[in-house]
Amino acid sequence: QVQLVESGGGSVQTGGSLRLSCVASGGDFWKYVMGWFRQAPGKEREFVGSISWSGGDTYYEESVKDRFTISRDNAKNTVYLQMNSLTPDDTAVYYCAADVQTNWRPLRTKIADTYEYWGQGTPVTVSS
């Protein structure tokens, strides 16, 4: 059983930056494709981005690809989401998730149901 704990959320003004972290425990972190999702109030959960086991491949939702960067440190069992140039539209609860994939398939990483494990989420609020 893998446990995921996100941190780093908070309140920032438009144009600001935040770095979210997600620490995994209870499993072999290096085996998991990691994804970031977010859910804004009154909206469905949406895909933000994902990263392969080694970190060599990443995939982003179009709306964030030039502003957000996902990275991971397998030695620390941690995946990061660096968010720059934040806008109020980025306000949401951000979740990390872990998925066992035998092959890197970016389009699959967009599907929330494919992930086996989820964190509890960390809130991000961007004010104008």
Foldseek 3Di string as FASTA:
>chain_A
DKAKAKDWADEEAAQAKIKMKIAIDDDQLLQWKKFKWWDDPPGDIFGAKIAHSQRPDIDGDPVQPVFWDWGDDSVRRMIMIIGGRDDQVPWTWMKMFIARDPDDDGVVSGDPVRTDDMYPTDTHGYHD
